[in-house]
Amino acid sequence: MLGRSERESGPHALLAASAAGWVDGDPAEAEALLDLGSTSATLSTVASIDGLSAVVHLGHPAQPSHELERALLAAPPSLVLTSAVAVPAQWVWVGRAARAEEAAGPVVVDEAGMRDRRHALRAMGVTPQLVPTRMPLEQRVALAGADGTLVLERSVAAAAPAGLGFVELPGSERLTQGAPVWYGLLESRDTAPRPEGTAQVWLAFGPHDDHRGSLQQTLALVAAAGIDLQHLRSHRSQAGPHIFFSAFSCPDAQVLSELVRDFDDRGVSHRVLAVLPGHEFVPGPDALEPRWSASAVTGDAVEHAPA
């Protein structure tokens, strides 16, 4: 059995499950994934029901969604992400007007659509009106009114009643451009899976003694293992020490086992959140073009005003 959270796009999650082989057959003929409720309810349900897995939005394997990281670490320890896949965005912009300039009303879009294509919507200059992903199509149409438009999955728009008169509007192609949408398979395991070959690993850890320099000591263990961190983020912990979320490419199971053993030896709390088989996850996460201070770039001496 496969499920998803109530905030996730059902067609996208089902497409990912079919592309990755998590379900058999044509995604157009497969049954819809189970709606498991909120994110926390989804994780709790997967942990408590044998044979149930969930398709969840990752952000990117090398740059995890912080919301998912936090939710996983707060969920039962048996939960782990075991696979990842990217699918093309299926969003389209539809309305009753044949020309985009005639559609002057709000653009009704759900949580998943806003998450995936907020930058494109902003560039299109539209006025999004956010609705819950669970909202039925009939209610979205009523909310849009005569002049409003909708952002929907292509399969949902194609299945809309002919009487609605929906057409795809000029500019809709922008919603399918850009990065694909990454999904992962969430499972409940007695032990974290061992990577067979290279895998992307998400590892959360917290130094036992949270003092100045404790992170440096912990990162020294990571460096000694020959691991190059691609992602490192800190978060407060109610238990005292800071929590650090990391992601990195791990060459094999032995390297991960030795790192975990070193953490145990040094009293560093830890938990493997994901083991995603694969050497490269293309395209990579969004990249920045930094603009450093002049002193950092050129090495020029910084002039100080006289005291």
C-alpha atoms as a PDB file:
ATOM      1  CA  MET A   1       0.000   0.000   0.000  1.00  0.00           C
ATOM      2  CA  LEU A   2       1.134   3.505  -0.801  1.00  0.00           C
ATOM      3  CA  GLY A   3      -0.032   6.791   0.676  1.00  0.00           C
ATOM      4  CA  ARG A   4       0.712  10.509   0.624  1.00  0.00           C
ATOM      5  CA  SER A   5      -0.020  13.500   2.813  1.00  0.00           C
ATOM      6  CA  GLU A   6      -3.158  15.589   2.364  1.00  0.00           C
ATOM      7  CA  ARG A   7      -1.055  18.530   1.133  1.00  0.00           C
ATOM      8  CA  GLU A   8       0.652  16.588  -1.658  1.00  0.00           C
ATOM      9  CA  SER A   9      -0.350  16.520  -5.321  1.00  0.00           C
ATOM     10  CA  GLY A  10      -1.899  13.103  -5.916  1.00  0.00           C
ATOM     11  CA  PRO A  11      -1.107  12.969  -9.668  1.00  0.00           C
ATOM     12  CA  HIS A  12       2.529  13.987  -9.151  1.00  0.00           C
ATOM     13  CA  ALA A  13       3.051  11.513  -6.304  1.00  0.00           C
ATOM     14  CA  LEU A  14       1.452   8.713  -8.336  1.00  0.00           C
ATOM     15  CA  LEU A  15       3.599   9.580 -11.369  1.00  0.00           C
ATOM     16  CA  ALA A  16       6.713   9.400  -9.178  1.00  0.00           C
ATOM     17  CA  ALA A  17       5.649   6.064  -7.697  1.00  0.00           C
ATOM     18  CA  SER A  18       5.143   4.603 -11.165  1.00  0.00           C
ATOM     19  CA  ALA A  19       8.376   6.040 -12.583  1.00  0.00           C
ATOM     20  CA  ALA A  20      10.407   4.611  -9.696  1.00  0.00           C
ATOM     21  CA  GLY A  21       8.680   1.233  -9.738  1.00  0.00           C
ATOM     22  CA  TRP A  22       7.068   1.673  -6.330  1.00  0.00           C
ATOM     23  CA  VAL A  23       3.768   0.698  -7.979  1.00  0.00           C
ATOM     24  CA  ASP A  24       3.211  -1.498 -11.002  1.00  0.00           C
ATOM     25  CA  GLY A  25       1.565  -0.494 -14.249  1.00  0.00           C
ATOM     26  CA  ASP A  26       0.580   2.707 -15.995  1.00  0.00           C
ATOM     27  CA  PRO A  27       0.096   5.633 -13.588  1.00  0.00           C
ATOM     28  CA  ALA A  28      -3.054   6.565 -15.516  1.00  0.00           C
ATOM     29  CA  GLU A  29      -4.520   3.186 -14.606  1.00  0.00           C
ATOM     30  CA  ALA A  30      -3.141   2.866 -11.085  1.00  0.00           C
ATOM     31  CA  GLU A  31      -5.311   3.547  -8.079  1.00  0.00           C
ATOM     32  CA  ALA A  32      -4.948   6.881  -6.309  1.00  0.00           C
ATOM     33  CA  LEU A  33      -2.596   6.944  -3.332  1.00  0.00           C
ATOM     34  CA  LEU A  34      -4.167   6.884   0.106  1.00  0.00           C
ATOM     35  CA  ASP A  35      -4.672  10.296   1.718  1.00  0.00           C
ATOM     36  CA  LEU A  36      -2.978   9.846   5.100  1.00  0.00           C
ATOM     37  CA  GLY A  37      -3.707  13.311   6.519  1.00  0.00           C
ATOM     38  CA  SER A  38      -1.202  15.842   7.800  1.00  0.00           C
ATOM     39  CA  THR A  39       2.546  15.345   7.518  1.00  0.00           C
ATOM     40  CA  SER A  40       2.855  14.174  11.124  1.00  0.00           C
ATOM     41  CA  ALA A  41      -0.149  11.873  10.724  1.00  0.00           C
ATOM     42  CA  THR A  42       1.350  10.431   7.526  1.00  0.00           C
ATOM     43  CA  LEU A  43       4.629   9.600   9.250  1.00  0.00           C
ATOM     44  CA  SER A  44       2.890   8.150  12.296  1.00  0.00           C
ATOM     45  CA  THR A  45       0.589   5.989  10.173  1.00  0.00           C
ATOM     46  CA  VAL A  46       3.428   4.592   8.044  1.00  0.00           C
ATOM     47  CA  ALA A  47       5.330   3.712  11.222  1.00  0.00           C
ATOM     48  CA  SER A  48       2.341   1.905  12.734  1.00  0.00           C
ATOM     49  CA  ILE A  49       0.965  -0.116   9.784  1.00  0.00           C
ATOM     50  CA  ASP A  50       2.971  -2.980   8.289  1.00  0.00           C
ATOM     51  CA  GLY A  51       3.239  -2.880   4.513  1.00  0.00           C
ATOM     52  CA  LEU A  52       2.315   0.792   4.214  1.00  0.00           C
ATOM     53  CA  SER A  53       4.740   3.255   2.619  1.00  0.00           C
ATOM     54  CA  ALA A  54       4.337   6.870   1.559  1.00  0.00           C
ATOM     55  CA  VAL A  55       5.471   9.076  -1.301  1.00  0.00           C
ATOM     56  CA  VAL A  56       6.816  12.355   0.091  1.00  0.00           C
ATOM     57  CA  HIS A  57       8.249  15.526  -1.426  1.00  0.00           C
ATOM     58  CA  LEU A  58      12.004  15.732  -0.777  1.00  0.00           C
ATOM     59  CA  GLY A  59      13.013  19.205  -1.835  1.00  0.00           C
ATOM     60  CA  HIS A  60      16.164  17.700  -3.404  1.00  0.00           C
ATOM     61  CA  PRO A  61      18.240  14.668  -2.343  1.00  0.00           C
ATOM     62  CA  ALA A  62      21.289  16.915  -1.866  1.00  0.00           C
ATOM     63  CA  GLN A  63      19.343  19.802  -0.293  1.00  0.00           C
ATOM     64  CA  PRO A  64      16.552  18.323   1.811  1.00  0.00           C
ATOM     65  CA  SER A  65      13.328  20.075   2.687  1.00  0.00           C
ATOM     66  CA  HIS A  66      13.807  21.421   6.203  1.00  0.00           C
ATOM     67  CA  GLU A  67      10.167  20.706   7.017  1.00  0.00           C
ATOM     68  CA  LEU A  68      10.657  17.046   6.107  1.00  0.00           C
ATOM     69  CA  GLU A  69      13.937  16.785   8.035  1.00  0.00           C
ATOM     70  CA  ARG A  70      12.311  18.112  11.191  1.00  0.00           C
ATOM     71  CA  ALA A  71       9.222  15.943  10.787  1.00  0.00           C
ATOM     72  CA  LEU A  72      11.322  12.802  10.299  1.00  0.00           C
ATOM     73  CA  LEU A  73      13.490  13.414  13.350  1.00  0.00           C
ATOM     74  CA  ALA A  74      10.389  14.007  15.484  1.00  0.00           C
ATOM     75  CA  ALA A  75       8.726  10.827  14.159  1.00  0.00           C
ATOM     76  CA  PRO A  76       9.317   7.191  15.213  1.00  0.00           C
ATOM     77  CA  PRO A  77      12.956   6.103  14.650  1.00  0.00           C
ATOM     78  CA  SER A  78      11.949   3.261  12.331  1.00  0.00           C
ATOM     79  CA  LEU A  79      11.098   5.704   9.522  1.00  0.00           C
ATOM     80  CA  VAL A  80      13.639   6.198   6.743  1.00  0.00           C
ATOM     81  CA  LEU A  81      13.641   7.353   3.116  1.00  0.00           C
ATOM     82  CA  THR A  82      14.912   4.568   0.871  1.00  0.00           C
ATOM     83  CA  SER A  83      14.651   5.834  -2.716  1.00  0.00           C
ATOM     84  CA  ALA A  84      14.316   9.041  -4.738  1.00  0.00           C
ATOM     85  CA  VAL A  85      13.002   9.998  -8.164  1.00  0.00           C
ATOM     86  CA  ALA A  86      12.369  13.218 -10.106  1.00  0.00           C
ATOM     87  CA  VAL A  87       9.310  13.785 -12.295  1.00  0.00           C
ATOM     88  CA  PRO A  88       8.496  16.651 -14.696  1.00  0.00           C
ATOM     89  CA  ALA A  89       6.101  19.242 -13.349  1.00  0.00           C
ATOM     90  CA  GLN A  90       2.546  18.561 -14.545  1.00  0.00           C
ATOM     91  CA  TRP A  91       1.013  21.930 -13.680  1.00  0.00           C
ATOM     92  CA  VAL A  92      -1.091  23.835 -16.231  1.00  0.00           C
ATOM     93  CA  TRP A  93      -2.894  27.188 -16.121  1.00  0.00           C
ATOM     94  CA  VAL A  94      -6.501  26.973 -17.278  1.00  0.00           C
ATOM     95  CA  GLY A  95      -9.504  29.240 -17.460  1.00  0.00           C
ATOM     96  CA  ARG A  96     -12.616  30.018 -19.422  1.00  0.00           C
ATOM     97  CA  ALA A  97     -10.983  32.868 -21.327  1.00  0.00           C
ATOM     98  CA  ALA A  98      -9.278  32.075 -24.618  1.00  0.00           C
ATOM     99  CA  ARG A  99      -6.773  34.865 -24.027  1.00  0.00           C
ATOM    100  CA  ALA A 100      -4.773  35.324 -20.858  1.00  0.00           C
ATOM    101  CA  GLU A 101      -5.395  39.072 -20.695  1.00  0.00           C
ATOM    102  CA  GLU A 102      -9.144  38.439 -20.415  1.00  0.00           C
ATOM    103  CA  ALA A 103      -8.585  36.378 -17.246  1.00  0.00           C
ATOM    104  CA  ALA A 104      -8.337  39.242 -14.774  1.00  0.00           C
ATOM    105  CA  GLY A 105      -9.544  37.453 -11.653  1.00  0.00           C
ATOM    106  CA  PRO A 106      -7.638  35.470  -9.027  1.00  0.00           C
ATOM    107  CA  VAL A 107      -5.526  32.418  -9.850  1.00  0.00           C
ATOM    108  CA  VAL A 108      -6.652  29.592  -7.591  1.00  0.00           C
ATOM    109  CA  VAL A 109      -3.727  27.299  -6.751  1.00  0.00           C
ATOM    110  CA  ASP A 110      -3.290  24.675  -4.025  1.00  0.00           C
ATOM    111  CA  GLU A 111      -0.438  24.150  -1.571  1.00  0.00           C
ATOM    112  CA  ALA A 112       1.534  21.727  -3.740  1.00  0.00           C
ATOM    113  CA  GLY A 113       1.222  23.916  -6.829  1.00  0.00           C
ATOM    114  CA  MET A 114       2.367  27.008  -4.947  1.00  0.00           C
ATOM    115  CA  ARG A 115       5.321  25.116  -3.485  1.00  0.00           C
ATOM    116  CA  ASP A 116       6.436  23.757  -6.861  1.00  0.00           C
ATOM    117  CA  ARG A 117       5.843  26.793  -9.081  1.00  0.00           C
ATOM    118  CA  ARG A 118       5.715  29.909  -6.903  1.00  0.00           C
ATOM    119  CA  HIS A 119       8.627  31.523  -8.753  1.00  0.00           C
ATOM    120  CA  ALA A 120       6.984  30.973 -12.139  1.00  0.00           C
ATOM    121  CA  LEU A 121       3.683  32.363 -10.882  1.00  0.00           C
ATOM    122  CA  ARG A 122       5.450  35.439  -9.553  1.00  0.00           C
ATOM    123  CA  ALA A 123       7.169  35.950 -12.912  1.00  0.00           C
ATOM    124  CA  MET A 124       3.804  35.659 -14.667  1.00  0.00           C
ATOM    125  CA  GLY A 125       2.505  38.586 -12.613  1.00  0.00           C
ATOM    126  CA  VAL A 126      -0.640  36.792 -11.466  1.00  0.00           C
ATOM    127  CA  THR A 127      -2.412  37.055  -8.107  1.00  0.00           C
ATOM    128  CA  PRO A 128      -2.446  33.578  -6.527  1.00  0.00           C
ATOM    129  CA  GLN A 129      -5.231  32.575  -4.161  1.00  0.00           C
ATOM    130  CA  LEU A 130      -4.037  29.659  -2.047  1.00  0.00           C
ATOM    131  CA  VAL A 131      -6.437  26.818  -1.256  1.00  0.00           C
ATOM    132  CA  PRO A 132      -6.031  23.456   0.505  1.00  0.00           C
ATOM    133  CA  THR A 133      -4.923  20.613  -1.747  1.00  0.00           C
ATOM    134  CA  ARG A 134      -7.946  18.634  -0.599  1.00  0.00           C
ATOM    135  CA  MET A 135     -10.395  21.247  -1.960  1.00  0.00           C
ATOM    136  CA  PRO A 136     -12.592  19.649  -4.678  1.00  0.00           C
ATOM    137  CA  LEU A 137     -12.490  21.046  -8.197  1.00  0.00           C
ATOM    138  CA  GLU A 138     -16.085  22.267  -7.991  1.00  0.00           C
ATOM    139  CA  GLN A 139     -15.257  24.483  -5.022  1.00  0.00           C
ATOM    140  CA  ARG A 140     -12.148  25.847  -6.738  1.00  0.00           C
ATOM    141  CA  VAL A 141     -14.185  26.758  -9.802  1.00  0.00           C
ATOM    142  CA  ALA A 142     -16.747  28.549  -7.655  1.00  0.00           C
ATOM    143  CA  LEU A 143     -14.016  30.422  -5.827  1.00  0.00           C
ATOM    144  CA  ALA A 144     -12.386  31.524  -9.097  1.00  0.00           C
ATOM    145  CA  GLY A 145     -15.650  32.947 -10.361  1.00  0.00           C
ATOM    146  CA  ALA A 146     -16.335  33.984 -13.935  1.00  0.00           C
ATOM    147  CA  ASP A 147     -13.052  35.854 -14.428  1.00  0.00           C
ATOM    148  CA  GLY A 148     -10.702  33.708 -12.337  1.00  0.00           C
ATOM    149  CA  THR A 149      -8.378  30.930 -13.461  1.00  0.00           C
ATOM    150  CA  LEU A 150      -6.905  27.790 -11.930  1.00  0.00           C
ATOM    151  CA  VAL A 151      -3.545  26.031 -11.692  1.00  0.00           C
ATOM    152  CA  LEU A 152      -4.170  22.275 -11.856  1.00  0.00           C
ATOM    153  CA  GLU A 153      -2.378  19.069 -12.688  1.00  0.00           C
ATOM    154  CA  ARG A 154      -2.735  18.312 -16.397  1.00  0.00           C
ATOM    155  CA  SER A 155      -4.589  15.062 -15.740  1.00  0.00           C
ATOM    156  CA  VAL A 156      -7.070  16.833 -13.460  1.00  0.00           C
ATOM    157  CA  ALA A 157      -7.668  19.604 -15.997  1.00  0.00           C
ATOM    158  CA  ALA A 158      -8.176  17.031 -18.776  1.00  0.00           C
ATOM    159  CA  ALA A 159     -10.738  15.164 -16.679  1.00  0.00           C
ATOM    160  CA  ALA A 160     -12.743  18.314 -15.870  1.00  0.00           C
ATOM    161  CA  PRO A 161     -16.352  18.312 -17.147  1.00  0.00           C
ATOM    162  CA  ALA A 162     -16.638  19.686 -20.680  1.00  0.00           C
ATOM    163  CA  GLY A 163     -19.315  22.091 -19.555  1.00  0.00           C
ATOM    164  CA  LEU A 164     -16.770  24.135 -17.623  1.00  0.00           C
ATOM    165  CA  GLY A 165     -15.217  25.295 -20.872  1.00  0.00           C
ATOM    166  CA  PHE A 166     -11.632  25.205 -19.576  1.00  0.00           C
ATOM    167  CA  VAL A 167      -8.814  25.965 -21.998  1.00  0.00           C
ATOM    168  CA  GLU A 168      -5.091  26.115 -21.383  1.00  0.00           C
ATOM    169  CA  LEU A 169      -4.059  29.751 -21.318  1.00  0.00           C
ATOM    170  CA  PRO A 170      -1.078  31.366 -23.050  1.00  0.00           C
ATOM    171  CA  GLY A 171       1.825  31.403 -20.606  1.00  0.00           C
ATOM    172  CA  SER A 172       0.845  28.050 -19.092  1.00  0.00           C
ATOM    173  CA  GLU A 173       4.021  26.519 -20.526  1.00  0.00           C
ATOM    174  CA  ARG A 174       6.048  28.413 -17.912  1.00  0.00           C
ATOM    175  CA  LEU A 175       4.668  26.083 -15.254  1.00  0.00           C
ATOM    176  CA  THR A 176       6.256  23.032 -16.881  1.00  0.00           C
ATOM    177  CA  GLN A 177       9.638  24.673 -17.365  1.00  0.00           C
ATOM    178  CA  GLY A 178      12.417  24.625 -14.812  1.00  0.00           C
ATOM    179  CA  ALA A 179      13.424  22.008 -12.288  1.00  0.00           C
ATOM    180  CA  PRO A 180      11.520  18.738 -11.893  1.00  0.00           C
ATOM    181  CA  VAL A 181       9.826  17.730  -8.657  1.00  0.00           C
ATOM    182  CA  TRP A 182      11.708  15.268  -6.423  1.00  0.00           C
ATOM    183  CA  TYR A 183       9.933  12.586  -4.411  1.00  0.00           C
ATOM    184  CA  GLY A 184      11.106   9.889  -2.015  1.00  0.00           C
ATOM    185  CA  LEU A 185       9.768   6.595  -0.720  1.00  0.00           C
ATOM    186  CA  LEU A 186       9.184   6.617   3.040  1.00  0.00           C
ATOM    187  CA  GLU A 187       9.253   3.225   4.751  1.00  0.00           C
ATOM    188  CA  SER A 188       9.353   1.791   8.250  1.00  0.00           C
ATOM    189  CA  ARG A 189      12.437  -0.394   8.807  1.00  0.00           C
ATOM    190  CA  ASP A 190      13.791  -2.174  11.871  1.00  0.00           C
ATOM    191  CA  THR A 191      17.239  -0.926  10.855  1.00  0.00           C
ATOM    192  CA  ALA A 192      18.342   1.719   8.386  1.00  0.00           C
ATOM    193  CA  PRO A 193      19.135   0.248   4.946  1.00  0.00           C
ATOM    194  CA  ARG A 194      22.782  -0.325   4.042  1.00  0.00           C
ATOM    195  CA  PRO A 195      23.745   1.392   0.789  1.00  0.00           C
ATOM    196  CA  GLU A 196      24.878  -0.941  -1.970  1.00  0.00           C
ATOM    197  CA  GLY A 197      27.362   1.301  -3.704  1.00  0.00           C
ATOM    198  CA  THR A 198      27.083   5.083  -3.699  1.00  0.00           C
ATOM    199  CA  ALA A 199      24.058   6.627  -2.007  1.00  0.00           C
ATOM    200  CA  GLN A 200      22.886  10.008  -0.804  1.00  0.00           C
ATOM    201  CA  VAL A 201      22.603   9.950   2.994  1.00  0.00           C
ATOM    202  CA  TRP A 202      20.669  12.276   5.285  1.00  0.00           C
ATOM    203  CA  LEU A 203      22.126  12.144   8.782  1.00  0.00           C
ATOM    204  CA  ALA A 204      20.956  14.080  11.839  1.00  0.00           C
ATOM    205  CA  PHE A 205      23.291  14.370  14.806  1.00  0.00           C
ATOM    206  CA  GLY A 206      23.757  16.239  18.060  1.00  0.00           C
ATOM    207  CA  PRO A 207      26.964  16.431  20.114  1.00  0.00           C
ATOM    208  CA  HIS A 208      26.426  15.002  23.596  1.00  0.00           C
ATOM    209  CA  ASP A 209      28.133  17.989  25.221  1.00  0.00           C
ATOM    210  CA  ASP A 210      26.921  21.170  23.574  1.00  0.00           C
ATOM    211  CA  HIS A 211      29.840  23.507  24.171  1.00  0.00           C
ATOM    212  CA  ARG A 212      31.970  25.857  22.119  1.00  0.00           C
ATOM    213  CA  GLY A 213      33.933  23.734  19.674  1.00  0.00           C
ATOM    214  CA  SER A 214      31.718  20.634  20.006  1.00  0.00           C
ATOM    215  CA  LEU A 215      30.523  20.921  16.412  1.00  0.00           C
ATOM    216  CA  GLN A 216      34.106  21.196  15.205  1.00  0.00           C
ATOM    217  CA  GLN A 217      34.994  17.974  17.022  1.00  0.00           C
ATOM    218  CA  THR A 218      32.047  16.182  15.472  1.00  0.00           C
ATOM    219  CA  LEU A 219      32.801  17.474  11.975  1.00  0.00           C
ATOM    220  CA  ALA A 220      36.352  16.221  12.407  1.00  0.00           C
ATOM    221  CA  LEU A 221      34.897  12.691  12.503  1.00  0.00           C
ATOM    222  CA  VAL A 222      33.054  13.396   9.246  1.00  0.00           C
ATOM    223  CA  ALA A 223      36.247  14.712   7.635  1.00  0.00           C
ATOM    224  CA  ALA A 224      38.225  11.698   8.866  1.00  0.00           C
ATOM    225  CA  ALA A 225      35.721   9.453   7.090  1.00  0.00           C
ATOM    226  CA  GLY A 226      36.489  11.258   3.827  1.00  0.00           C
ATOM    227  CA  ILE A 227      32.988  12.655   3.528  1.00  0.00           C
ATOM    228  CA  ASP A 228      32.324  16.006   1.853  1.00  0.00           C
ATOM    229  CA  LEU A 229      29.149  17.498   3.308  1.00  0.00           C
ATOM    230  CA  GLN A 230      26.758  18.939   0.731  1.00  0.00           C
ATOM    231  CA  HIS A 231      24.250  20.192   3.272  1.00  0.00           C
ATOM    232  CA  LEU A 232      24.504  21.263   6.921  1.00  0.00           C
ATOM    233  CA  ARG A 233      21.772  23.012   8.887  1.00  0.00           C
ATOM    234  CA  SER A 234      21.367  23.591  12.621  1.00  0.00           C
ATOM    235  CA  HIS A 235      18.196  23.614  14.681  1.00  0.00           C
ATOM    236  CA  ARG A 236      17.377  24.086  18.334  1.00  0.00           C
ATOM    237  CA  SER A 237      16.617  21.034  20.436  1.00  0.00           C
ATOM    238  CA  GLN A 238      14.372  20.728  23.478  1.00  0.00           C
ATOM    239  CA  ALA A 239      16.785  18.072  24.763  1.00  0.00           C
ATOM    240  CA  GLY A 240      19.605  20.575  25.203  1.00  0.00           C
ATOM    241  CA  PRO A 241      22.236  20.103  22.496  1.00  0.00           C
ATOM    242  CA  HIS A 242      21.782  21.622  19.100  1.00  0.00           C
ATOM    243  CA  ILE A 243      20.567  19.402  16.275  1.00  0.00           C
ATOM    244  CA  PHE A 244      22.470  19.351  13.007  1.00  0.00           C
ATOM    245  CA  PHE A 245      20.959  18.061   9.779  1.00  0.00           C
ATOM    246  CA  SER A 246      23.410  16.945   7.107  1.00  0.00           C
ATOM    247  CA  ALA A 247      23.353  15.386   3.652  1.00  0.00           C
ATOM    248  CA  PHE A 248      26.249  13.882   1.732  1.00  0.00           C
ATOM    249  CA  SER A 249      27.208  11.377  -0.931  1.00  0.00           C
ATOM    250  CA  CYS A 250      28.436   8.169   0.697  1.00  0.00           C
ATOM    251  CA  PRO A 251      30.572   5.759  -1.375  1.00  0.00           C
ATOM    252  CA  ASP A 252      29.492   2.551   0.368  1.00  0.00           C
ATOM    253  CA  ALA A 253      28.008   0.947   3.460  1.00  0.00           C
ATOM    254  CA  GLN A 254      31.375   0.538   5.159  1.00  0.00           C
ATOM    255  CA  VAL A 255      32.030   4.286   5.251  1.00  0.00           C
ATOM    256  CA  LEU A 256      28.616   4.965   6.778  1.00  0.00           C
ATOM    257  CA  SER A 257      29.013   2.162   9.326  1.00  0.00           C
ATOM    258  CA  GLU A 258      32.392   3.477  10.445  1.00  0.00           C
ATOM    259  CA  LEU A 259      31.092   7.037  10.779  1.00  0.00           C
ATOM    260  CA  VAL A 260      28.144   5.872  12.878  1.00  0.00           C
ATOM    261  CA  ARG A 261      30.515   3.786  15.012  1.00  0.00           C
ATOM    262  CA  ASP A 262      32.754   6.808  15.587  1.00  0.00           C
ATOM    263  CA  PHE A 263      29.717   8.846  16.605  1.00  0.00           C
ATOM    264  CA  ASP A 264      28.780   6.140  19.108  1.00  0.00           C
ATOM    265  CA  ASP A 265      32.317   6.062  20.496  1.00  0.00           C
ATOM    266  CA  ARG A 266      32.307   9.841  21.018  1.00  0.00           C
ATOM    267  CA  GLY A 267      28.802   9.925  22.497  1.00  0.00           C
ATOM    268  CA  VAL A 268      27.305  11.826  19.553  1.00  0.00           C
ATOM    269  CA  SER A 269      23.571  11.232  19.210  1.00  0.00           C
ATOM    270  CA  HIS A 270      22.617  10.455  15.623  1.00  0.00           C
ATOM    271  CA  ARG A 271      19.972   9.059  13.301  1.00  0.00           C
ATOM    272  CA  VAL A 272      20.016   8.126   9.619  1.00  0.00           C
ATOM    273  CA  LEU A 273      16.991   9.752   7.978  1.00  0.00           C
ATOM    274  CA  ALA A 274      17.571   8.720   4.356  1.00  0.00           C
ATOM    275  CA  VAL A 275      19.652   6.338   2.253  1.00  0.00           C
ATOM    276  CA  LEU A 276      18.906   7.161  -1.382  1.00  0.00           C
ATOM    277  CA  PRO A 277      20.796   4.926  -3.853  1.00  0.00           C
ATOM    278  CA  GLY A 278      22.484   6.828  -6.658  1.00  0.00           C
ATOM    279  CA  HIS A 279      25.697   8.580  -7.617  1.00  0.00           C
ATOM    280  CA  GLU A 280      24.259  11.755  -9.150  1.00  0.00           C
ATOM    281  CA  PHE A 281      20.878  13.402  -8.749  1.00  0.00           C
ATOM    282  CA  VAL A 282      20.517  15.561 -11.854  1.00  0.00           C
ATOM    283  CA  PRO A 283      19.567  18.343 -12.065  1.00  0.00           C
ATOM    284  CA  GLY A 284      21.187  19.465  -8.851  1.00  0.00           C
ATOM    285  CA  PRO A 285      19.624  21.813  -6.312  1.00  0.00           C
ATOM    286  CA  ASP A 286      19.323  25.540  -6.990  1.00  0.00           C
ATOM    287  CA  ALA A 287      22.709  27.240  -7.082  1.00  0.00           C
ATOM    288  CA  LEU A 288      23.540  30.751  -5.933  1.00  0.00           C
ATOM    289  CA  GLU A 289      25.908  33.205  -7.536  1.00  0.00           C
ATOM    290  CA  PRO A 290      27.488  34.725  -4.408  1.00  0.00           C
ATOM    291  CA  ARG A 291      28.698  38.294  -4.184  1.00  0.00           C
ATOM    292  CA  TRP A 292      31.306  38.387  -1.451  1.00  0.00           C
ATOM    293  CA  SER A 293      32.717  41.436   0.240  1.00  0.00           C
ATOM    294  CA  ALA A 294      35.594  43.108  -1.607  1.00  0.00           C
ATOM    295  CA  SER A 295      38.095  42.177   1.092  1.00  0.00           C
ATOM    296  CA  ALA A 296      37.191  38.508   0.838  1.00  0.00           C
ATOM    297  CA  VAL A 297      37.418  38.460  -2.948  1.00  0.00           C
ATOM    298  CA  THR A 298      40.535  40.549  -3.588  1.00  0.00           C
ATOM    299  CA  GLY A 299      42.390  40.165  -0.343  1.00  0.00           C
ATOM    300  CA  ASP A 300      42.640  43.951  -0.061  1.00  0.00           C
ATOM    301  CA  ALA A 301      43.443  45.268   3.372  1.00  0.00           C
ATOM    302  CA  VAL A 302      40.481  46.721   5.204  1.00  0.00           C
ATOM    303  CA  GLU A 303      41.028  50.313   6.263  1.00  0.00           C
ATOM    304  CA  HIS A 304      39.959  51.162   9.781  1.00  0.00           C
ATOM    305  CA  ALA A 305      38.885  54.625  10.845  1.00  0.00           C
ATOM    306  CA  PRO A 306      41.097  56.180  13.521  1.00  0.00           C
ATOM    307  CA  ALA A 307      39.859  55.734  17.041  1.00  0.00           C
END
